[in-house]
Amino acid sequence: MLNVGQAAAPRRIGRILMMHANDREEVNEVYAGDIAAAVGIKQVITGDTLAAPRTRPSTLRTSSSPSP
């Protein structure tokens, strides 16, 4: 997996979990629109764009939240 936001630095994912209300299921891959959690990724923050290493990823626009 590549972290596009950090000069396409390669990263490794420990596990991927599909989230189902109060349950979770370990899976090998997810697709656009899936809600999943990646466990064991280092140096990744909210808003980073993650992509497969053999694709031509594009950086998505950073989101922002208003101050409370």
PDB file of N, CA and C in Angstrom:
ATOM      1  N   MET A   1       0.828  -1.155   0.000  1.00  0.00           N
ATOM      2  CA  MET A   1       0.000   0.000   0.000  1.00  0.00           C
ATOM      3  C   MET A   1       0.885   1.234   0.000  1.00  0.00           C
ATOM      4  N   LEU A   2       0.471   2.261  -0.698  1.00  0.00           N
ATOM      5  CA  LEU A   2       1.202   3.522  -0.736  1.00  0.00           C
ATOM      6  C   LEU A   2       0.446   4.594   0.014  1.00  0.00           C
ATOM      7  N   ASN A   3       1.178   5.424   0.733  1.00  0.00           N
ATOM      8  CA  ASN A   3       0.612   6.606   1.357  1.00  0.00           C
ATOM      9  C   ASN A   3       0.943   7.761   0.426  1.00  0.00           C
ATOM     10  N   VAL A   4       0.014   8.129  -0.424  1.00  0.00           N
ATOM     11  CA  VAL A   4       0.243   9.134  -1.453  1.00  0.00           C
ATOM     12  C   VAL A   4       0.599  10.483  -0.858  1.00  0.00           C
ATOM     13  N   GLY A   5       0.067  10.796   0.308  1.00  0.00           N
ATOM     14  CA  GLY A   5       0.313  12.079   0.941  1.00  0.00           C
ATOM     15  C   GLY A   5       1.739  12.268   1.430  1.00  0.00           C
ATOM     16  N   GLN A   6       2.519  11.212   1.515  1.00  0.00           N
ATOM     17  CA  GLN A   6       3.887  11.306   2.017  1.00  0.00           C
ATOM     18  C   GLN A   6       4.869  10.784   0.967  1.00  0.00           C
ATOM     19  N   ALA A   7       4.907  11.418  -0.191  1.00  0.00           N
ATOM     20  CA  ALA A   7       5.820  11.069  -1.284  1.00  0.00           C
ATOM     21  C   ALA A   7       5.724   9.596  -1.672  1.00  0.00           C
ATOM     22  N   ALA A   8       4.518   9.065  -1.691  1.00  0.00           N
ATOM     23  CA  ALA A   8       4.259   7.672  -2.080  1.00  0.00           C
ATOM     24  C   ALA A   8       5.132   6.688  -1.308  1.00  0.00           C
ATOM     25  N   ALA A   9       5.267   6.919  -0.025  1.00  0.00           N
ATOM     26  CA  ALA A   9       6.066   6.031   0.819  1.00  0.00           C
ATOM     27  C   ALA A   9       5.340   4.705   1.012  1.00  0.00           C
ATOM     28  N   PRO A  10       6.004   3.577   0.781  1.00  0.00           N
ATOM     29  CA  PRO A  10       5.333   2.279   0.981  1.00  0.00           C
ATOM     30  C   PRO A  10       5.029   2.028   2.449  1.00  0.00           C
ATOM     31  N   ARG A  11       3.888   1.441   2.720  1.00  0.00           N
ATOM     32  CA  ARG A  11       3.461   1.109   4.077  1.00  0.00           C
ATOM     33  C   ARG A  11       2.922  -0.320   4.074  1.00  0.00           C
ATOM     34  N   ARG A  12       2.913  -0.933   5.242  1.00  0.00           N
ATOM     35  CA  ARG A  12       2.390  -2.287   5.375  1.00  0.00           C
ATOM     36  C   ARG A  12       1.182  -2.261   6.310  1.00  0.00           C
ATOM     37  N   ILE A  13       0.137  -3.008   5.934  1.00  0.00           N
ATOM     38  CA  ILE A  13      -1.075  -3.115   6.750  1.00  0.00           C
ATOM     39  C   ILE A  13      -1.043  -4.452   7.472  1.00  0.00           C
ATOM     40  N   GLY A  14      -1.265  -4.428   8.785  1.00  0.00           N
ATOM     41  CA  GLY A  14      -1.305  -5.665   9.563  1.00  0.00           C
ATOM     42  C   GLY A  14      -2.557  -6.477   9.258  1.00  0.00           C
ATOM     43  N   ARG A  15      -3.726  -5.851   9.400  1.00  0.00           N
ATOM     44  CA  ARG A  15      -5.013  -6.516   9.145  1.00  0.00           C
ATOM     45  C   ARG A  15      -6.000  -5.502   8.602  1.00  0.00           C
ATOM     46  N   ILE A  16      -7.001  -5.982   7.867  1.00  0.00           N
ATOM     47  CA  ILE A  16      -8.113  -5.155   7.399  1.00  0.00           C
ATOM     48  C   ILE A  16      -9.390  -5.754   7.975  1.00  0.00           C
ATOM     49  N   LEU A  17     -10.179  -4.914   8.622  1.00  0.00           N
ATOM     50  CA  LEU A  17     -11.418  -5.366   9.241  1.00  0.00           C
ATOM     51  C   LEU A  17     -12.604  -4.629   8.624  1.00  0.00           C
ATOM     52  N   MET A  18     -13.605  -5.384   8.162  1.00  0.00           N
ATOM     53  CA  MET A  18     -14.864  -4.798   7.713  1.00  0.00           C
ATOM     54  C   MET A  18     -15.700  -4.561   8.957  1.00  0.00           C
ATOM     55  N   MET A  19     -16.287  -3.377   9.039  1.00  0.00           N
ATOM     56  CA  MET A  19     -17.057  -3.013  10.222  1.00  0.00           C
ATOM     57  C   MET A  19     -18.551  -3.223   9.944  1.00  0.00           C
ATOM     58  N   HIS A  20     -19.221  -3.957  10.840  1.00  0.00           N
ATOM     59  CA  HIS A  20     -20.656  -4.238  10.736  1.00  0.00           C
ATOM     60  C   HIS A  20     -21.290  -3.936  12.092  1.00  0.00           C
ATOM     61  N   ALA A  21     -21.788  -2.719  12.287  1.00  0.00           N
ATOM     62  CA  ALA A  21     -22.384  -2.298  13.560  1.00  0.00           C
ATOM     63  C   ALA A  21     -21.435  -2.615  14.708  1.00  0.00           C
ATOM     64  N   ASN A  22     -21.774  -3.557  15.580  1.00  0.00           N
ATOM     65  CA  ASN A  22     -20.919  -3.920  16.713  1.00  0.00           C
ATOM     66  C   ASN A  22     -19.970  -5.072  16.398  1.00  0.00           C
ATOM     67  N   ASP A  23     -20.030  -5.602  15.194  1.00  0.00           N
ATOM     68  CA  ASP A  23     -19.193  -6.737  14.807  1.00  0.00           C
ATOM     69  C   ASP A  23     -18.131  -6.299  13.802  1.00  0.00           C
ATOM     70  N   ARG A  24     -17.104  -7.109  13.656  1.00  0.00           N
ATOM     71  CA  ARG A  24     -16.081  -6.866  12.652  1.00  0.00           C
ATOM     72  C   ARG A  24     -15.647  -8.195  12.052  1.00  0.00           C
ATOM     73  N   GLU A  25     -15.227  -8.145  10.791  1.00  0.00           N
ATOM     74  CA  GLU A  25     -14.846  -9.350  10.056  1.00  0.00           C
ATOM     75  C   GLU A  25     -13.515  -9.093   9.362  1.00  0.00           C
ATOM     76  N   GLU A  26     -12.545  -9.976   9.547  1.00  0.00           N
ATOM     77  CA  GLU A  26     -11.242  -9.803   8.900  1.00  0.00           C
ATOM     78  C   GLU A  26     -11.356 -10.195   7.426  1.00  0.00           C
ATOM     79  N   VAL A  27     -10.848  -9.324   6.529  1.00  0.00           N
ATOM     80  CA  VAL A  27     -10.896  -9.552   5.084  1.00  0.00           C
ATOM     81  C   VAL A  27      -9.517  -9.280   4.480  1.00  0.00           C
ATOM     82  N   ASN A  28      -9.330  -9.696   3.227  1.00  0.00           N
ATOM     83  CA  ASN A  28      -8.061  -9.490   2.533  1.00  0.00           C
ATOM     84  C   ASN A  28      -8.039  -8.231   1.674  1.00  0.00           C
ATOM     85  N   GLU A  29      -9.215  -7.747   1.268  1.00  0.00           N
ATOM     86  CA  GLU A  29      -9.273  -6.550   0.429  1.00  0.00           C
ATOM     87  C   GLU A  29     -10.599  -5.832   0.623  1.00  0.00           C
ATOM     88  N   VAL A  30     -10.609  -4.541   0.307  1.00  0.00           N
ATOM     89  CA  VAL A  30     -11.823  -3.733   0.353  1.00  0.00           C
ATOM     90  C   VAL A  30     -11.948  -2.968  -0.951  1.00  0.00           C
ATOM     91  N   TYR A  31     -13.148  -2.504  -1.235  1.00  0.00           N
ATOM     92  CA  TYR A  31     -13.433  -1.798  -2.480  1.00  0.00           C
ATOM     93  C   TYR A  31     -14.002  -0.421  -2.177  1.00  0.00           C
ATOM     94  N   ALA A  32     -14.085   0.405  -3.181  1.00  0.00           N
ATOM     95  CA  ALA A  32     -14.641   1.749  -3.033  1.00  0.00           C
ATOM     96  C   ALA A  32     -16.030   1.661  -2.408  1.00  0.00           C
ATOM     97  N   GLY A  33     -16.262   2.455  -1.383  1.00  0.00           N
ATOM     98  CA  GLY A  33     -17.549   2.480  -0.703  1.00  0.00           C
ATOM     99  C   GLY A  33     -17.624   1.583   0.518  1.00  0.00           C
ATOM    100  N   ASP A  34     -16.675   0.665   0.672  1.00  0.00           N
ATOM    101  CA  ASP A  34     -16.654  -0.195   1.859  1.00  0.00           C
ATOM    102  C   ASP A  34     -16.224   0.610   3.085  1.00  0.00           C
ATOM    103  N   ILE A  35     -16.751   0.240   4.229  1.00  0.00           N
ATOM    104  CA  ILE A  35     -16.322   0.849   5.487  1.00  0.00           C
ATOM    105  C   ILE A  35     -15.476  -0.189   6.205  1.00  0.00           C
ATOM    106  N   ALA A  36     -14.193   0.133   6.358  1.00  0.00           N
ATOM    107  CA  ALA A  36     -13.252  -0.825   6.935  1.00  0.00           C
ATOM    108  C   ALA A  36     -12.264  -0.099   7.829  1.00  0.00           C
ATOM    109  N   ALA A  37     -11.566  -0.878   8.638  1.00  0.00           N
ATOM    110  CA  ALA A  37     -10.510  -0.341   9.494  1.00  0.00           C
ATOM    111  C   ALA A  37      -9.219  -1.072   9.149  1.00  0.00           C
ATOM    112  N   ALA A  38      -8.144  -0.311   8.980  1.00  0.00           N
ATOM    113  CA  ALA A  38      -6.829  -0.899   8.736  1.00  0.00           C
ATOM    114  C   ALA A  38      -6.059  -0.866  10.053  1.00  0.00           C
ATOM    115  N   VAL A  39      -5.554  -2.006  10.465  1.00  0.00           N
ATOM    116  CA  VAL A  39      -4.866  -2.136  11.746  1.00  0.00           C
ATOM    117  C   VAL A  39      -3.369  -2.319  11.490  1.00  0.00           C
ATOM    118  N   GLY A  40      -2.557  -1.598  12.249  1.00  0.00           N
ATOM    119  CA  GLY A  40      -1.116  -1.796  12.183  1.00  0.00           C
ATOM    120  C   GLY A  40      -0.382  -0.924  11.189  1.00  0.00           C
ATOM    121  N   ILE A  41      -0.989   0.171  10.734  1.00  0.00           N
ATOM    122  CA  ILE A  41      -0.298   1.073   9.808  1.00  0.00           C
ATOM    123  C   ILE A  41       0.461   2.110  10.631  1.00  0.00           C
ATOM    124  N   LYS A  42       1.710   2.342  10.270  1.00  0.00           N
ATOM    125  CA  LYS A  42       2.514   3.342  10.970  1.00  0.00           C
ATOM    126  C   LYS A  42       2.610   4.606  10.129  1.00  0.00           C
ATOM    127  N   GLN A  43       2.720   5.738  10.777  1.00  0.00           N
ATOM    128  CA  GLN A  43       2.922   7.046  10.156  1.00  0.00           C
ATOM    129  C   GLN A  43       1.835   7.408   9.141  1.00  0.00           C
ATOM    130  N   VAL A  44       0.585   7.174   9.516  1.00  0.00           N
ATOM    131  CA  VAL A  44      -0.557   7.547   8.688  1.00  0.00           C
ATOM    132  C   VAL A  44      -1.497   8.353   9.566  1.00  0.00           C
ATOM    133  N   ILE A  45      -2.020   9.455   9.023  1.00  0.00           N
ATOM    134  CA  ILE A  45      -2.953  10.285   9.772  1.00  0.00           C
ATOM    135  C   ILE A  45      -4.263  10.427   9.006  1.00  0.00           C
ATOM    136  N   THR A  46      -5.287  10.869   9.692  1.00  0.00           N
ATOM    137  CA  THR A  46      -6.578  11.098   9.061  1.00  0.00           C
ATOM    138  C   THR A  46      -6.410  12.059   7.899  1.00  0.00           C
ATOM    139  N   GLY A  47      -6.979  11.721   6.755  1.00  0.00           N
ATOM    140  CA  GLY A  47      -6.888  12.567   5.574  1.00  0.00           C
ATOM    141  C   GLY A  47      -5.849  12.094   4.571  1.00  0.00           C
ATOM    142  N   ASP A  48      -4.975  11.147   4.938  1.00  0.00           N
ATOM    143  CA  ASP A  48      -4.005  10.601   3.983  1.00  0.00           C
ATOM    144  C   ASP A  48      -4.733   9.772   2.937  1.00  0.00           C
ATOM    145  N   THR A  49      -4.228   9.763   1.714  1.00  0.00           N
ATOM    146  CA  THR A  49      -4.778   8.960   0.640  1.00  0.00           C
ATOM    147  C   THR A  49      -3.959   7.686   0.528  1.00  0.00           C
ATOM    148  N   LEU A  50      -4.620   6.533   0.601  1.00  0.00           N
ATOM    149  CA  LEU A  50      -3.946   5.244   0.514  1.00  0.00           C
ATOM    150  C   LEU A  50      -4.323   4.575  -0.798  1.00  0.00           C
ATOM    151  N   ALA A  51      -3.356   3.908  -1.447  1.00  0.00           N
ATOM    152  CA  ALA A  51      -3.615   3.280  -2.738  1.00  0.00           C
ATOM    153  C   ALA A  51      -2.753   2.036  -2.902  1.00  0.00           C
ATOM    154  N   ALA A  52      -3.148   1.162  -3.822  1.00  0.00           N
ATOM    155  CA  ALA A  52      -2.350  -0.019  -4.145  1.00  0.00           C
ATOM    156  C   ALA A  52      -1.067   0.428  -4.837  1.00  0.00           C
ATOM    157  N   PRO A  53       0.040  -0.291  -4.623  1.00  0.00           N
ATOM    158  CA  PRO A  53       1.328   0.152  -5.157  1.00  0.00           C
ATOM    159  C   PRO A  53       1.428   0.155  -6.678  1.00  0.00           C
ATOM    160  N   ARG A  54       0.656  -0.657  -7.375  1.00  0.00           N
ATOM    161  CA  ARG A  54       0.786  -0.744  -8.834  1.00  0.00           C
ATOM    162  C   ARG A  54      -0.266   0.056  -9.584  1.00  0.00           C
ATOM    163  N   THR A  55      -0.859   1.023  -8.928  1.00  0.00           N
ATOM    164  CA  THR A  55      -1.849   1.877  -9.579  1.00  0.00           C
ATOM    165  C   THR A  55      -1.248   3.260  -9.797  1.00  0.00           C
ATOM    166  N   ARG A  56      -1.964   4.097 -10.498  1.00  0.00           N
ATOM    167  CA  ARG A  56      -1.553   5.494 -10.646  1.00  0.00           C
ATOM    168  C   ARG A  56      -2.465   6.325  -9.751  1.00  0.00           C
ATOM    169  N   PRO A  57      -2.139   6.392  -8.458  1.00  0.00           N
ATOM    170  CA  PRO A  57      -3.031   7.084  -7.515  1.00  0.00           C
ATOM    171  C   PRO A  57      -3.002   8.593  -7.688  1.00  0.00           C
ATOM    172  N   SER A  58      -4.093   9.216  -7.355  1.00  0.00           N
ATOM    173  CA  SER A  58      -4.157  10.673  -7.332  1.00  0.00           C
ATOM    174  C   SER A  58      -4.479  11.105  -5.911  1.00  0.00           C
ATOM    175  N   THR A  59      -3.938  12.217  -5.497  1.00  0.00           N
ATOM    176  CA  THR A  59      -4.165  12.724  -4.156  1.00  0.00           C
ATOM    177  C   THR A  59      -5.540  13.363  -4.074  1.00  0.00           C
ATOM    178  N   LEU A  60      -6.307  12.978  -3.075  1.00  0.00           N
ATOM    179  CA  LEU A  60      -7.629  13.555  -2.877  1.00  0.00           C
ATOM    180  C   LEU A  60      -7.508  14.845  -2.088  1.00  0.00           C
ATOM    181  N   ARG A  61      -8.463  15.721  -2.257  1.00  0.00           N
ATOM    182  CA  ARG A  61      -8.479  16.993  -1.545  1.00  0.00           C
ATOM    183  C   ARG A  61      -8.602  16.759  -0.046  1.00  0.00           C
ATOM    184  N   THR A  62      -7.855  17.499   0.732  1.00  0.00           N
ATOM    185  CA  THR A  62      -7.888  17.395   2.185  1.00  0.00           C
ATOM    186  C   THR A  62      -9.194  17.961   2.712  1.00  0.00           C
ATOM    187  N   SER A  63      -9.806  17.246   3.654  1.00  0.00           N
ATOM    188  CA  SER A  63     -11.042  17.734   4.258  1.00  0.00           C
ATOM    189  C   SER A  63     -10.702  18.501   5.523  1.00  0.00           C
ATOM    190  N   SER A  64     -11.599  19.373   5.910  1.00  0.00           N
ATOM    191  CA  SER A  64     -11.397  20.139   7.137  1.00  0.00           C
ATOM    192  C   SER A  64     -12.718  20.212   7.900  1.00  0.00           C
ATOM    193  N   SER A  65     -12.599  20.359   9.195  1.00  0.00           N
ATOM    194  CA  SER A  65     -13.773  20.459  10.053  1.00  0.00           C
ATOM    195  C   SER A  65     -13.763  21.804  10.738  1.00  0.00           C
ATOM    196  N   PRO A  66     -14.922  22.429  10.921  1.00  0.00           N
ATOM    197  CA  PRO A  66     -14.963  23.710  11.617  1.00  0.00           C
ATOM    198  C   PRO A  66     -14.617  23.545  13.097  1.00  0.00           C
ATOM    199  N   SER A  67     -14.054  24.554  13.680  1.00  0.00           N
ATOM    200  CA  SER A  67     -13.753  24.525  15.108  1.00  0.00           C
ATOM    201  C   SER A  67     -15.043  24.524  15.919  1.00  0.00           C
ATOM    202  N   PRO A  68     -15.077  23.815  17.052  1.00  0.00           N
ATOM    203  CA  PRO A  68     -16.305  23.762  17.858  1.00  0.00           C
ATOM    204  C   PRO A  68     -16.629  25.101  18.505  1.00  0.00           C
TER     205      PRO A  68
END
